[in-house]
PDB file of N, CA and C in Angstrom:
ATOM      1  N   MET A   1     -58.247 -17.068  51.399  1.00  0.00           N
ATOM      2  CA  MET A   1     -57.290 -17.600  50.475  1.00  0.00           C
ATOM      3  C   MET A   1     -56.381 -17.057  49.477  1.00  0.00           C
ATOM      4  N   ASN A   2     -55.159 -17.353  49.240  1.00  0.00           N
ATOM      5  CA  ASN A   2     -54.222 -16.571  48.170  1.00  0.00           C
ATOM      6  C   ASN A   2     -54.626 -16.952  47.048  1.00  0.00           C
ATOM      7  N   PRO A   3     -54.752 -15.795  45.752  1.00  0.00           N
ATOM      8  CA  PRO A   3     -55.087 -16.342  44.675  1.00  0.00           C
ATOM      9  C   PRO A   3     -53.634 -17.152  44.024  1.00  0.00           C
ATOM     10  N   LEU A   4     -53.000 -16.694  44.376  1.00  0.00           N
ATOM     11  CA  LEU A   4     -51.682 -17.338  44.051  1.00  0.00           C
ATOM     12  C   LEU A   4     -50.720 -18.207  45.070  1.00  0.00           C
ATOM     13  N   PRO A   5     -50.050 -19.177  44.414  1.00  0.00           N
ATOM     14  CA  PRO A   5     -49.306 -19.640  45.821  1.00  0.00           C
ATOM     15  C   PRO A   5     -47.947 -18.675  46.168  1.00  0.00           C
ATOM     16  N   ASN A   6     -47.665 -18.794  47.472  1.00  0.00           N
ATOM     17  CA  ASN A   6     -46.563 -18.078  47.966  1.00  0.00           C
ATOM     18  C   ASN A   6     -46.853 -16.567  47.862  1.00  0.00           C
ATOM     19  N   THR A   7     -48.196 -16.104  47.540  1.00  0.00           N
ATOM     20  CA  THR A   7     -48.342 -14.630  47.808  1.00  0.00           C
ATOM     21  C   THR A   7     -48.812 -14.320  48.752  1.00  0.00           C
ATOM     22  N   PRO A   8     -48.093 -13.576  49.605  1.00  0.00           N
ATOM     23  CA  PRO A   8     -48.572 -13.089  50.841  1.00  0.00           C
ATOM     24  C   PRO A   8     -49.775 -12.387  51.165  1.00  0.00           C
ATOM     25  N   HIS A   9     -50.235 -11.504  50.003  1.00  0.00           N
ATOM     26  CA  HIS A   9     -51.375 -11.010  50.662  1.00  0.00           C
ATOM     27  C   HIS A   9     -52.147 -11.044  49.146  1.00  0.00           C
ATOM     28  N   PRO A  10     -53.728 -11.111  49.093  1.00  0.00           N
ATOM     29  CA  PRO A  10     -54.471 -11.227  48.073  1.00  0.00           C
ATOM     30  C   PRO A  10     -54.171  -9.905  47.445  1.00  0.00           C
ATOM     31  N   LEU A  11     -54.265 -10.255  45.927  1.00  0.00           N
ATOM     32  CA  LEU A  11     -54.027  -9.195  44.843  1.00  0.00           C
ATOM     33  C   LEU A  11     -55.594  -8.580  44.843  1.00  0.00           C
ATOM     34  N   PRO A  12     -55.208  -6.595  44.570  1.00  0.00           N
ATOM     35  CA  PRO A  12     -56.394  -5.945  44.573  1.00  0.00           C
ATOM     36  C   PRO A  12     -57.515  -6.363  43.510  1.00  0.00           C
ATOM     37  N   THR A  13     -58.498  -6.626  43.678  1.00  0.00           N
ATOM     38  CA  THR A  13     -59.497  -6.688  42.612  1.00  0.00           C
ATOM     39  C   THR A  13     -60.436  -5.588  41.841  1.00  0.00           C
ATOM     40  N   LEU A  14     -60.549  -4.587  42.797  1.00  0.00           N
ATOM     41  CA  LEU A  14     -61.202  -3.518  42.291  1.00  0.00           C
ATOM     42  C   LEU A  14     -60.440  -2.029  42.380  1.00  0.00           C
ATOM     43  N   ASP A  15     -60.598  -1.264  41.348  1.00  0.00           N
ATOM     44  CA  ASP A  15     -59.684   0.250  41.320  1.00  0.00           C
ATOM     45  C   ASP A  15     -59.475   0.895  42.579  1.00  0.00           C
ATOM     46  N   THR A  16     -60.729   0.572  43.281  1.00  0.00           N
ATOM     47  CA  THR A  16     -60.994   1.303  44.627  1.00  0.00           C
ATOM     48  C   THR A  16     -60.463   0.809  45.732  1.00  0.00           C
ATOM     49  N   GLU A  17     -59.746  -0.048  45.513  1.00  0.00           N
ATOM     50  CA  GLU A  17     -58.645  -0.771  46.820  1.00  0.00           C
ATOM     51  C   GLU A  17     -57.263  -0.085  46.182  1.00  0.00           C
ATOM     52  N   ARG A  18     -56.706   0.709  45.490  1.00  0.00           N
ATOM     53  CA  ARG A  18     -55.846   1.116  45.065  1.00  0.00           C
ATOM     54  C   ARG A  18     -55.598   2.624  45.283  1.00  0.00           C
ATOM     55  N   PRO A  19     -54.703   3.810  45.983  1.00  0.00           N
ATOM     56  CA  PRO A  19     -54.571   5.008  46.114  1.00  0.00           C
ATOM     57  C   PRO A  19     -54.912   5.306  44.584  1.00  0.00           C
ATOM     58  N   ARG A  20     -55.211   6.454  44.495  1.00  0.00           N
ATOM     59  CA  ARG A  20     -55.430   7.289  43.162  1.00  0.00           C
ATOM     60  C   ARG A  20     -54.913   8.919  43.102  1.00  0.00           C
ATOM     61  N   VAL A  21     -54.232   9.178  42.458  1.00  0.00           N
ATOM     62  CA  VAL A  21     -53.573  10.340  42.101  1.00  0.00           C
ATOM     63  C   VAL A  21     -54.186  11.538  40.782  1.00  0.00           C
ATOM     64  N   ASP A  22     -54.485  12.245  41.146  1.00  0.00           N
ATOM     65  CA  ASP A  22     -55.121  13.294  40.007  1.00  0.00           C
ATOM     66  C   ASP A  22     -53.403  13.501  39.372  1.00  0.00           C
ATOM     67  N   SER A  23     -53.394  13.310  37.676  1.00  0.00           N
ATOM     68  CA  SER A  23     -51.964  14.093  37.414  1.00  0.00           C
ATOM     69  C   SER A  23     -51.712  15.509  37.568  1.00  0.00           C
ATOM     70  N   ASN A  24     -52.514  16.226  37.608  1.00  0.00           N
ATOM     71  CA  ASN A  24     -52.770  17.588  37.889  1.00  0.00           C
ATOM     72  C   ASN A  24     -51.939  17.900  39.108  1.00  0.00           C
ATOM     73  N   ASP A  25     -52.230  16.981  40.003  1.00  0.00           N
ATOM     74  CA  ASP A  25     -51.381  17.305  41.554  1.00  0.00           C
ATOM     75  C   ASP A  25     -50.119  16.660  41.445  1.00  0.00           C
ATOM     76  N   ILE A  26     -49.836  16.141  40.713  1.00  0.00           N
ATOM     77  CA  ILE A  26     -48.289  15.367  40.489  1.00  0.00           C
ATOM     78  C   ILE A  26     -47.347  16.661  39.508  1.00  0.00           C
ATOM     79  N   LEU A  27     -48.072  16.909  38.369  1.00  0.00           N
ATOM     80  CA  LEU A  27     -47.309  17.741  37.607  1.00  0.00           C
ATOM     81  C   LEU A  27     -47.699  19.411  37.672  1.00  0.00           C
ATOM     82  N   ARG A  28     -48.616  19.677  38.580  1.00  0.00           N
ATOM     83  CA  ARG A  28     -48.661  21.149  38.883  1.00  0.00           C
ATOM     84  C   ARG A  28     -48.622  22.235  38.010  1.00  0.00           C
ATOM     85  N   GLY A  29     -48.864  21.670  36.447  1.00  0.00           N
ATOM     86  CA  GLY A  29     -49.074  22.861  35.480  1.00  0.00           C
ATOM     87  C   GLY A  29     -48.204  22.707  34.603  1.00  0.00           C
ATOM     88  N   ASN A  30     -46.891  21.471  34.873  1.00  0.00           N
ATOM     89  CA  ASN A  30     -45.691  21.553  33.908  1.00  0.00           C
ATOM     90  C   ASN A  30     -46.298  20.325  33.252  1.00  0.00           C
ATOM     91  N   THR A  31     -44.797  20.242  32.142  1.00  0.00           N
ATOM     92  CA  THR A  31     -45.566  19.301  30.997  1.00  0.00           C
ATOM     93  C   THR A  31     -44.605  18.150  31.350  1.00  0.00           C
ATOM     94  N   ALA A  32     -43.494  18.237  32.418  1.00  0.00           N
ATOM     95  CA  ALA A  32     -42.643  17.351  32.392  1.00  0.00           C
ATOM     96  C   ALA A  32     -42.179  17.520  33.851  1.00  0.00           C
ATOM     97  N   ILE A  33     -41.893  16.363  34.588  1.00  0.00           N
ATOM     98  CA  ILE A  33     -41.542  16.278  36.093  1.00  0.00           C
ATOM     99  C   ILE A  33     -40.201  15.446  36.104  1.00  0.00           C
ATOM    100  N   GLU A  34     -39.269  14.953  36.830  1.00  0.00           N
ATOM    101  CA  GLU A  34     -38.430  14.072  37.295  1.00  0.00           C
ATOM    102  C   GLU A  34     -38.967  13.692  38.506  1.00  0.00           C
ATOM    103  N   ILE A  35     -38.533  12.171  38.236  1.00  0.00           N
ATOM    104  CA  ILE A  35     -38.887  11.378  39.417  1.00  0.00           C
ATOM    105  C   ILE A  35     -37.904  10.598  39.921  1.00  0.00           C
ATOM    106  N   GLU A  36     -37.797  10.659  41.000  1.00  0.00           N
ATOM    107  CA  GLU A  36     -36.602   9.551  41.725  1.00  0.00           C
ATOM    108  C   GLU A  36     -36.952   8.242  42.427  1.00  0.00           C
ATOM    109  N   HIS A  37     -36.665   7.158  42.255  1.00  0.00           N
ATOM    110  CA  HIS A  37     -37.229   5.945  42.661  1.00  0.00           C
ATOM    111  C   HIS A  37     -35.504   5.087  42.840  1.00  0.00           C
ATOM    112  N   ALA A  38     -35.558   4.529  44.053  1.00  0.00           N
ATOM    113  CA  ALA A  38     -34.335   3.547  44.171  1.00  0.00           C
ATOM    114  C   ALA A  38     -33.234   4.038  43.344  1.00  0.00           C
ATOM    115  N   GLY A  39     -32.938   5.261  43.703  1.00  0.00           N
ATOM    116  CA  GLY A  39     -31.772   5.679  43.325  1.00  0.00           C
ATOM    117  C   GLY A  39     -31.668   6.028  41.604  1.00  0.00           C
ATOM    118  N   GLN A  40     -32.717   5.915  41.023  1.00  0.00           N
ATOM    119  CA  GLN A  40     -32.741   6.026  39.476  1.00  0.00           C
ATOM    120  C   GLN A  40     -33.898   7.197  39.239  1.00  0.00           C
ATOM    121  N   ARG A  41     -33.367   7.904  38.136  1.00  0.00           N
ATOM    122  CA  ARG A  41     -34.171   8.944  37.779  1.00  0.00           C
ATOM    123  C   ARG A  41     -35.328   8.713  36.592  1.00  0.00           C
ATOM    124  N   TYR A  42     -36.358   9.251  36.534  1.00  0.00           N
ATOM    125  CA  TYR A  42     -37.371   9.125  35.437  1.00  0.00           C
ATOM    126  C   TYR A  42     -38.060  10.542  34.905  1.00  0.00           C
ATOM    127  N   LEU A  43     -38.374  10.101  34.088  1.00  0.00           N
ATOM    128  CA  LEU A  43     -39.113  11.600  33.305  1.00  0.00           C
ATOM    129  C   LEU A  43     -40.688  11.188  33.103  1.00  0.00           C
ATOM    130  N   LEU A  44     -41.282  12.179  33.521  1.00  0.00           N
ATOM    131  CA  LEU A  44     -42.713  11.673  33.403  1.00  0.00           C
ATOM    132  C   LEU A  44     -43.525  12.828  32.786  1.00  0.00           C
ATOM    133  N   ARG A  45     -43.791  12.752  31.288  1.00  0.00           N
ATOM    134  CA  ARG A  45     -43.877  14.009  30.709  1.00  0.00           C
ATOM    135  C   ARG A  45     -45.275  13.825  29.860  1.00  0.00           C
ATOM    136  N   VAL A  46     -45.902  15.040  29.716  1.00  0.00           N
ATOM    137  CA  VAL A  46     -47.168  14.941  28.831  1.00  0.00           C
ATOM    138  C   VAL A  46     -46.874  14.827  27.335  1.00  0.00           C
ATOM    139  N   THR A  47     -47.538  14.131  26.542  1.00  0.00           N
ATOM    140  CA  THR A  47     -47.131  14.244  25.133  1.00  0.00           C
ATOM    141  C   THR A  47     -48.391  15.456  24.215  1.00  0.00           C
ATOM    142  N   ARG A  48     -48.341  15.630  22.919  1.00  0.00           N
ATOM    143  CA  ARG A  48     -48.948  16.215  22.247  1.00  0.00           C
ATOM    144  C   ARG A  48     -50.241  16.216  22.215  1.00  0.00           C
ATOM    145  N   GLU A  49     -50.540  14.678  22.653  1.00  0.00           N
ATOM    146  CA  GLU A  49     -51.814  13.989  22.512  1.00  0.00           C
ATOM    147  C   GLU A  49     -52.568  14.026  23.700  1.00  0.00           C
ATOM    148  N   ASN A  50     -51.941  15.006  24.692  1.00  0.00           N
ATOM    149  CA  ASN A  50     -52.154  14.475  26.315  1.00  0.00           C
ATOM    150  C   ASN A  50     -52.237  13.103  26.973  1.00  0.00           C
ATOM    151  N   LYS A  51     -51.195  12.598  26.449  1.00  0.00           N
ATOM    152  CA  LYS A  51     -50.991  11.295  27.012  1.00  0.00           C
ATOM    153  C   LYS A  51     -49.917  11.307  28.103  1.00  0.00           C
ATOM    154  N   LEU A  52     -49.484  10.400  28.848  1.00  0.00           N
ATOM    155  CA  LEU A  52     -48.496  10.194  29.960  1.00  0.00           C
ATOM    156  C   LEU A  52     -47.547   9.157  29.374  1.00  0.00           C
ATOM    157  N   ILE A  53     -46.071   9.646  29.101  1.00  0.00           N
ATOM    158  CA  ILE A  53     -45.201   8.649  29.182  1.00  0.00           C
ATOM    159  C   ILE A  53     -44.104   8.755  30.380  1.00  0.00           C
ATOM    160  N   LEU A  54     -43.716   7.562  31.231  1.00  0.00           N
ATOM    161  CA  LEU A  54     -42.578   7.496  31.640  1.00  0.00           C
ATOM    162  C   LEU A  54     -41.504   6.722  31.063  1.00  0.00           C
ATOM    163  N   THR A  55     -40.035   7.666  31.392  1.00  0.00           N
ATOM    164  CA  THR A  55     -39.143   6.986  30.759  1.00  0.00           C
ATOM    165  C   THR A  55     -38.039   6.871  31.617  1.00  0.00           C
ATOM    166  N   LYS A  56     -36.911   6.277  31.428  1.00  0.00           N
ATOM    167  CA  LYS A  56     -36.030   6.084  32.564  1.00  0.00           C
ATOM    168  C   LYS A  56     -34.565   6.947  32.072  1.00  0.00           C
TER     169      LYS A  56
END
């Protein structure tokens, strides 16, 4: 049974059901990268506090 009406698939309940990628595999030693998505460009960067920020 679906958890929400009109939802075609059940929502994931555990983190293990989602793919996981290590940030090092994406950044490859860089502190910032550009990501293209649906014709838009985004900036993913690492802050001085070692946190990730994604901006458009």
